[in-house]
N, C-alpha and C. Protein backbone atom coordinates (compact mmCIF):
# COMPACT_ATOMS: atom_id res chain seq x y z
N MET A 1 65.86 -20.72 19.27
CA MET A 1 66.98 -20.17 18.55
C MET A 1 67.23 -21.01 17.30
N VAL A 2 67.37 -20.34 16.21
CA VAL A 2 67.72 -20.97 14.95
C VAL A 2 68.98 -20.29 14.45
N ASN A 3 69.96 -21.09 14.06
CA ASN A 3 71.21 -20.56 13.53
C ASN A 3 71.53 -21.27 12.22
N ILE A 4 71.90 -20.49 11.22
CA ILE A 4 72.23 -21.05 9.91
C ILE A 4 73.67 -20.73 9.57
N VAL A 5 74.40 -21.78 9.15
CA VAL A 5 75.75 -21.63 8.62
C VAL A 5 75.62 -21.85 7.12
N MET A 6 75.92 -20.81 6.33
CA MET A 6 75.72 -20.88 4.89
C MET A 6 77.03 -20.65 4.16
N GLY A 7 77.23 -21.41 3.10
CA GLY A 7 78.41 -21.24 2.28
C GLY A 7 78.34 -22.18 1.09
N PRO A 8 79.18 -21.94 0.07
CA PRO A 8 79.17 -22.83 -1.09
C PRO A 8 79.70 -24.22 -0.73
N GLU A 9 79.44 -25.16 -1.61
CA GLU A 9 79.96 -26.53 -1.41
C GLU A 9 81.46 -26.48 -1.16
N GLY A 10 81.92 -27.24 -0.19
CA GLY A 10 83.35 -27.34 0.08
C GLY A 10 83.95 -26.17 0.82
N SER A 11 83.12 -25.32 1.41
CA SER A 11 83.65 -24.13 2.08
C SER A 11 83.91 -24.31 3.57
N GLY A 12 83.64 -25.50 4.11
CA GLY A 12 83.93 -25.75 5.52
C GLY A 12 82.73 -25.63 6.45
N LYS A 13 81.53 -25.68 5.90
CA LYS A 13 80.33 -25.58 6.73
C LYS A 13 80.21 -26.74 7.71
N THR A 14 80.49 -27.94 7.24
CA THR A 14 80.37 -29.11 8.10
C THR A 14 81.36 -29.03 9.25
N LYS A 15 82.56 -28.56 8.99
CA LYS A 15 83.55 -28.37 10.06
C LYS A 15 83.03 -27.37 11.10
N LEU A 16 82.41 -26.29 10.63
CA LEU A 16 81.82 -25.31 11.55
C LEU A 16 80.69 -25.94 12.36
N LEU A 17 79.92 -26.83 11.73
CA LEU A 17 78.85 -27.53 12.44
C LEU A 17 79.43 -28.43 13.53
N ILE A 18 80.49 -29.16 13.19
CA ILE A 18 81.15 -30.03 14.18
C ILE A 18 81.67 -29.19 15.34
N ASP A 19 82.25 -28.04 15.05
CA ASP A 19 82.73 -27.14 16.11
C ASP A 19 81.57 -26.66 16.98
N ALA A 20 80.43 -26.34 16.36
CA ALA A 20 79.25 -25.90 17.12
C ALA A 20 78.74 -27.01 18.03
N ILE A 21 78.79 -28.24 17.54
CA ILE A 21 78.38 -29.39 18.36
C ILE A 21 79.31 -29.52 19.56
N SER A 22 80.60 -29.41 19.34
CA SER A 22 81.57 -29.51 20.44
C SER A 22 81.34 -28.42 21.48
N ARG A 23 81.07 -27.20 21.03
CA ARG A 23 80.79 -26.10 21.97
C ARG A 23 79.51 -26.37 22.75
N ALA A 24 78.49 -26.86 22.07
CA ALA A 24 77.21 -27.13 22.73
C ALA A 24 77.37 -28.22 23.79
N LEU A 25 78.20 -29.20 23.52
CA LEU A 25 78.44 -30.25 24.51
C LEU A 25 79.02 -29.69 25.81
N LYS A 26 79.77 -28.62 25.69
CA LYS A 26 80.40 -28.02 26.88
C LYS A 26 79.44 -27.10 27.64
N THR A 27 78.43 -26.57 26.96
CA THR A 27 77.58 -25.56 27.59
C THR A 27 76.14 -26.00 27.83
N GLU A 28 75.68 -27.04 27.16
CA GLU A 28 74.29 -27.47 27.30
C GLU A 28 74.24 -28.80 28.04
N SER A 29 73.20 -28.97 28.84
CA SER A 29 73.10 -30.19 29.65
C SER A 29 72.12 -31.21 29.09
N GLY A 30 71.35 -30.85 28.08
CA GLY A 30 70.36 -31.77 27.54
C GLY A 30 70.92 -32.68 26.46
N SER A 31 70.02 -33.43 25.86
CA SER A 31 70.38 -34.33 24.77
C SER A 31 70.51 -33.54 23.47
N MET A 32 71.38 -34.01 22.59
CA MET A 32 71.59 -33.37 21.30
C MET A 32 71.48 -34.39 20.19
N VAL A 33 70.97 -33.93 19.06
CA VAL A 33 70.75 -34.78 17.90
C VAL A 33 71.40 -34.12 16.69
N CYS A 34 72.07 -34.90 15.88
CA CYS A 34 72.63 -34.41 14.63
C CYS A 34 72.07 -35.27 13.50
N ILE A 35 71.38 -34.62 12.57
CA ILE A 35 70.76 -35.32 11.45
C ILE A 35 71.57 -35.02 10.19
N GLU A 36 71.96 -36.06 9.51
CA GLU A 36 72.72 -35.92 8.27
C GLU A 36 72.25 -36.97 7.28
N LYS A 37 72.71 -36.86 6.07
CA LYS A 37 72.43 -37.85 5.05
C LYS A 37 73.68 -38.69 4.90
N GLY A 38 73.61 -39.96 5.25
CA GLY A 38 74.78 -40.83 5.21
C GLY A 38 75.45 -40.91 6.57
N HIS A 39 76.70 -41.34 6.54
CA HIS A 39 77.44 -41.54 7.79
C HIS A 39 78.75 -40.77 7.79
N THR A 40 78.80 -39.63 7.15
CA THR A 40 80.07 -38.92 7.02
C THR A 40 80.57 -38.34 8.33
N LEU A 41 79.68 -38.09 9.28
CA LEU A 41 80.10 -37.47 10.55
C LEU A 41 80.35 -38.50 11.65
N ARG A 42 80.25 -39.76 11.33
CA ARG A 42 80.34 -40.82 12.32
C ARG A 42 81.56 -40.69 13.23
N TYR A 43 82.69 -40.33 12.68
CA TYR A 43 83.92 -40.27 13.48
C TYR A 43 84.24 -38.86 13.96
N ASP A 44 83.43 -37.89 13.57
CA ASP A 44 83.69 -36.49 13.93
C ASP A 44 82.81 -35.98 15.06
N VAL A 45 81.67 -36.62 15.27
CA VAL A 45 80.73 -36.16 16.28
C VAL A 45 80.86 -37.03 17.53
N ASP A 46 80.94 -36.38 18.67
CA ASP A 46 81.06 -37.06 19.96
C ASP A 46 79.93 -38.08 20.15
N HIS A 47 80.25 -39.20 20.80
CA HIS A 47 79.28 -40.28 20.99
C HIS A 47 78.07 -39.86 21.84
N ARG A 48 78.17 -38.77 22.57
CA ARG A 48 77.04 -38.31 23.39
C ARG A 48 75.95 -37.64 22.55
N VAL A 49 76.25 -37.36 21.30
CA VAL A 49 75.28 -36.76 20.39
C VAL A 49 74.66 -37.87 19.55
N ARG A 50 73.34 -37.92 19.52
CA ARG A 50 72.65 -38.93 18.73
C ARG A 50 72.79 -38.56 17.25
N LEU A 51 73.52 -39.37 16.51
CA LEU A 51 73.74 -39.14 15.08
C LEU A 51 72.73 -39.97 14.29
N ILE A 52 71.96 -39.30 13.45
CA ILE A 52 70.89 -39.95 12.71
C ILE A 52 71.14 -39.80 11.21
N ASP A 53 71.10 -40.93 10.50
CA ASP A 53 71.20 -40.93 9.04
C ASP A 53 69.78 -40.79 8.49
N ALA A 54 69.46 -39.60 8.00
CA ALA A 54 68.10 -39.31 7.52
C ALA A 54 67.70 -40.18 6.34
N SER A 55 68.67 -40.67 5.58
CA SER A 55 68.32 -41.49 4.41
C SER A 55 67.67 -42.81 4.82
N GLU A 56 67.82 -43.20 6.07
CA GLU A 56 67.17 -44.42 6.56
C GLU A 56 65.68 -44.20 6.85
N TYR A 57 65.23 -42.95 6.81
CA TYR A 57 63.85 -42.63 7.18
C TYR A 57 63.05 -41.97 6.06
N SER A 58 63.56 -41.97 4.86
CA SER A 58 62.85 -41.44 3.68
C SER A 58 62.32 -40.02 3.88
N ILE A 59 63.15 -39.16 4.46
CA ILE A 59 62.77 -37.76 4.62
C ILE A 59 62.99 -37.08 3.28
N LYS A 60 61.90 -36.64 2.66
CA LYS A 60 62.00 -36.08 1.30
C LYS A 60 61.32 -34.73 1.17
N SER A 61 60.99 -34.10 2.29
CA SER A 61 60.34 -32.79 2.23
C SER A 61 60.47 -32.11 3.59
N TYR A 62 60.19 -30.82 3.60
CA TYR A 62 60.20 -30.10 4.87
C TYR A 62 59.09 -30.60 5.79
N THR A 63 57.95 -30.97 5.22
CA THR A 63 56.84 -31.47 6.03
C THR A 63 57.25 -32.76 6.75
N LEU A 64 57.89 -33.66 6.03
CA LEU A 64 58.35 -34.90 6.66
C LEU A 64 59.43 -34.61 7.70
N LEU A 65 60.29 -33.65 7.43
CA LEU A 65 61.33 -33.28 8.39
C LEU A 65 60.71 -32.69 9.66
N GLN A 66 59.67 -31.88 9.51
CA GLN A 66 58.97 -31.35 10.69
C GLN A 66 58.40 -32.50 11.53
N GLY A 67 57.77 -33.45 10.87
CA GLY A 67 57.21 -34.59 11.58
C GLY A 67 58.29 -35.41 12.27
N PHE A 68 59.41 -35.57 11.59
CA PHE A 68 60.53 -36.33 12.16
C PHE A 68 61.06 -35.64 13.42
N ILE A 69 61.27 -34.33 13.34
CA ILE A 69 61.77 -33.57 14.49
C ILE A 69 60.76 -33.62 15.63
N SER A 70 59.48 -33.47 15.31
CA SER A 70 58.44 -33.53 16.33
C SER A 70 58.43 -34.90 17.01
N GLY A 71 58.59 -35.95 16.22
CA GLY A 71 58.63 -37.30 16.78
C GLY A 71 59.84 -37.52 17.67
N LEU A 72 60.99 -37.00 17.26
CA LEU A 72 62.18 -37.10 18.10
C LEU A 72 61.94 -36.43 19.44
N HIS A 73 61.35 -35.24 19.40
CA HIS A 73 61.11 -34.50 20.64
C HIS A 73 60.05 -35.19 21.50
N ALA A 74 59.01 -35.74 20.87
CA ALA A 74 57.98 -36.45 21.62
C ALA A 74 58.57 -37.66 22.35
N GLY A 75 59.57 -38.28 21.74
CA GLY A 75 60.21 -39.44 22.35
C GLY A 75 61.28 -39.09 23.36
N ASN A 76 61.74 -37.84 23.35
CA ASN A 76 62.80 -37.42 24.28
C ASN A 76 62.68 -35.92 24.53
N PHE A 77 61.99 -35.57 25.60
CA PHE A 77 61.79 -34.16 25.95
C PHE A 77 63.07 -33.49 26.41
N ASP A 78 64.14 -34.26 26.58
CA ASP A 78 65.41 -33.69 27.04
C ASP A 78 66.25 -33.13 25.89
N ILE A 79 65.78 -33.24 24.65
CA ILE A 79 66.54 -32.70 23.52
C ILE A 79 66.59 -31.18 23.63
N THR A 80 67.81 -30.65 23.62
CA THR A 80 67.99 -29.19 23.70
C THR A 80 68.55 -28.60 22.41
N HIS A 81 69.07 -29.45 21.52
CA HIS A 81 69.68 -28.91 20.30
C HIS A 81 69.57 -29.94 19.19
N VAL A 82 69.14 -29.48 18.04
CA VAL A 82 69.09 -30.31 16.83
C VAL A 82 70.00 -29.66 15.79
N PHE A 83 70.95 -30.42 15.31
CA PHE A 83 71.87 -29.98 14.27
C PHE A 83 71.51 -30.71 12.98
N ILE A 84 71.45 -29.99 11.88
CA ILE A 84 71.15 -30.62 10.59
C ILE A 84 72.19 -30.18 9.58
N ASP A 85 72.87 -31.16 8.99
CA ASP A 85 73.88 -30.88 7.99
C ASP A 85 73.24 -30.93 6.60
N ASN A 86 73.41 -29.84 5.85
CA ASN A 86 72.95 -29.71 4.47
C ASN A 86 71.43 -29.79 4.35
N LEU A 87 70.78 -28.76 4.86
CA LEU A 87 69.31 -28.70 4.90
C LEU A 87 68.67 -28.88 3.53
N TYR A 88 69.16 -28.20 2.50
CA TYR A 88 68.55 -28.32 1.18
C TYR A 88 68.60 -29.75 0.65
N SER A 89 69.72 -30.40 0.84
CA SER A 89 69.87 -31.77 0.37
C SER A 89 68.95 -32.72 1.14
N LEU A 90 68.86 -32.51 2.43
CA LEU A 90 68.05 -33.39 3.27
C LEU A 90 66.57 -33.24 2.95
N SER A 91 66.12 -32.01 2.76
CA SER A 91 64.69 -31.76 2.50
C SER A 91 64.33 -31.92 1.03
N LYS A 92 65.33 -32.00 0.19
CA LYS A 92 65.15 -32.08 -1.26
C LYS A 92 64.39 -30.86 -1.80
N SER A 93 64.60 -29.70 -1.18
CA SER A 93 63.91 -28.50 -1.63
C SER A 93 64.72 -27.25 -1.36
N LYS A 94 64.77 -26.38 -2.37
CA LYS A 94 65.33 -25.04 -2.22
C LYS A 94 64.23 -24.00 -2.42
N ASP A 95 63.00 -24.47 -2.47
CA ASP A 95 61.88 -23.57 -2.69
C ASP A 95 61.83 -22.51 -1.60
N PRO A 96 61.83 -21.23 -1.97
CA PRO A 96 61.89 -20.16 -0.98
C PRO A 96 60.72 -20.17 0.01
N VAL A 97 59.51 -20.41 -0.48
CA VAL A 97 58.34 -20.40 0.41
C VAL A 97 58.41 -21.57 1.39
N GLU A 98 58.72 -22.76 0.87
CA GLU A 98 58.83 -23.93 1.74
C GLU A 98 59.94 -23.75 2.77
N THR A 99 61.07 -23.23 2.33
CA THR A 99 62.20 -23.03 3.24
C THR A 99 61.85 -22.02 4.32
N GLU A 100 61.24 -20.91 3.92
CA GLU A 100 60.86 -19.89 4.91
C GLU A 100 59.85 -20.45 5.91
N ASN A 101 58.85 -21.18 5.42
CA ASN A 101 57.86 -21.78 6.32
C ASN A 101 58.51 -22.75 7.30
N PHE A 102 59.45 -23.55 6.81
CA PHE A 102 60.13 -24.50 7.68
C PHE A 102 60.95 -23.77 8.75
N LEU A 103 61.71 -22.76 8.34
CA LEU A 103 62.52 -22.02 9.31
C LEU A 103 61.65 -21.30 10.34
N ASP A 104 60.52 -20.75 9.90
CA ASP A 104 59.59 -20.13 10.84
C ASP A 104 59.02 -21.16 11.81
N TRP A 105 58.71 -22.34 11.30
CA TRP A 105 58.22 -23.42 12.17
C TRP A 105 59.29 -23.79 13.20
N CYS A 106 60.53 -23.91 12.76
CA CYS A 106 61.63 -24.24 13.68
C CYS A 106 61.77 -23.16 14.75
N ASN A 107 61.66 -21.91 14.36
CA ASN A 107 61.77 -20.82 15.31
C ASN A 107 60.65 -20.89 16.35
N LEU A 108 59.43 -21.17 15.93
CA LEU A 108 58.31 -21.32 16.85
C LEU A 108 58.50 -22.55 17.73
N PHE A 109 58.89 -23.67 17.13
CA PHE A 109 59.14 -24.90 17.89
C PHE A 109 60.21 -24.66 18.94
N SER A 110 61.24 -23.93 18.56
CA SER A 110 62.33 -23.60 19.48
C SER A 110 61.82 -22.81 20.68
N ALA A 111 61.01 -21.81 20.43
CA ALA A 111 60.47 -20.97 21.51
C ALA A 111 59.55 -21.77 22.43
N GLU A 112 58.73 -22.63 21.85
CA GLU A 112 57.76 -23.39 22.64
C GLU A 112 58.40 -24.54 23.42
N ASN A 113 59.47 -25.12 22.89
CA ASN A 113 60.03 -26.34 23.48
C ASN A 113 61.46 -26.19 23.97
N LYS A 114 62.02 -25.01 23.86
CA LYS A 114 63.39 -24.74 24.30
C LYS A 114 64.40 -25.68 23.63
N VAL A 115 64.24 -25.81 22.31
CA VAL A 115 65.14 -26.61 21.49
C VAL A 115 65.81 -25.67 20.49
N ALA A 116 67.13 -25.66 20.48
CA ALA A 116 67.87 -24.84 19.52
C ALA A 116 68.11 -25.64 18.24
N PHE A 117 68.20 -24.94 17.13
CA PHE A 117 68.47 -25.56 15.84
C PHE A 117 69.68 -24.90 15.20
N THR A 118 70.55 -25.73 14.63
CA THR A 118 71.66 -25.24 13.83
C THR A 118 71.66 -26.01 12.52
N PHE A 119 71.64 -25.28 11.40
CA PHE A 119 71.60 -25.88 10.07
C PHE A 119 72.79 -25.43 9.25
N THR A 120 73.23 -26.29 8.34
CA THR A 120 74.12 -25.83 7.28
C THR A 120 73.31 -25.80 5.99
N ILE A 121 73.60 -24.79 5.17
CA ILE A 121 72.95 -24.65 3.87
C ILE A 121 74.03 -24.37 2.84
N ALA A 122 74.04 -25.19 1.78
CA ALA A 122 75.01 -25.01 0.70
C ALA A 122 74.44 -24.02 -0.31
N ASP A 123 74.89 -22.77 -0.20
CA ASP A 123 74.45 -21.73 -1.12
C ASP A 123 75.36 -20.52 -0.94
N ASP A 124 75.24 -19.57 -1.84
CA ASP A 124 76.07 -18.36 -1.79
C ASP A 124 75.65 -17.47 -0.61
N PRO A 125 76.55 -17.25 0.35
CA PRO A 125 76.19 -16.45 1.52
C PRO A 125 76.30 -14.94 1.32
N SER A 126 76.74 -14.50 0.14
CA SER A 126 76.99 -13.07 -0.06
C SER A 126 75.71 -12.24 -0.11
N ASN A 127 74.61 -12.84 -0.53
CA ASN A 127 73.36 -12.10 -0.60
C ASN A 127 72.18 -13.04 -0.29
N PRO A 128 72.10 -13.53 0.95
CA PRO A 128 71.04 -14.48 1.28
C PRO A 128 69.68 -13.78 1.35
N PRO A 129 68.61 -14.52 1.07
CA PRO A 129 67.28 -13.92 1.24
C PRO A 129 67.05 -13.56 2.71
N GLU A 130 66.18 -12.62 2.96
CA GLU A 130 65.94 -12.12 4.32
C GLU A 130 65.54 -13.24 5.27
N TYR A 131 64.71 -14.19 4.80
CA TYR A 131 64.24 -15.26 5.68
C TYR A 131 65.38 -16.19 6.12
N ILE A 132 66.50 -16.18 5.43
CA ILE A 132 67.68 -16.92 5.87
C ILE A 132 68.63 -16.00 6.62
N ALA A 133 68.81 -14.80 6.12
CA ALA A 133 69.76 -13.85 6.73
C ALA A 133 69.45 -13.58 8.19
N ARG A 134 68.17 -13.57 8.55
CA ARG A 134 67.83 -13.26 9.95
C ARG A 134 68.28 -14.34 10.93
N TYR A 135 68.63 -15.52 10.41
CA TYR A 135 69.11 -16.61 11.28
C TYR A 135 70.61 -16.84 11.18
N MET A 136 71.30 -16.02 10.39
CA MET A 136 72.75 -16.17 10.23
C MET A 136 73.47 -15.30 11.26
N ASP A 137 74.61 -15.80 11.73
CA ASP A 137 75.43 -15.00 12.65
C ASP A 137 76.19 -13.93 11.90
């Protein structure tokens, strides 16, 4: 399962992500990971969720992010949910082909490994491209 929360900067996407994390803690029994840039969620995310500052790992592309997620899962097969705040900023790419390939990879990874993904994307949600719209609620 892949879920995308999309909205312009300052529209409350991160708050919705925090709410999704809180709901997941109540309904899922596995480990959860939240990847962000910096430490802005340090006091908002429950201590049971592994909070990772991606800037400490030089993630600068979707390919590196795929490797990072794969490595996290290889080290902990109990991960059931990965949350990523501000996907475009973290991957340093808004390229449509790269983004679509990454989301398709996440969808396949999710099906094969039973890991859910929730992303926030800072962009106009009024007319998202199809490859993003299919993952939006």
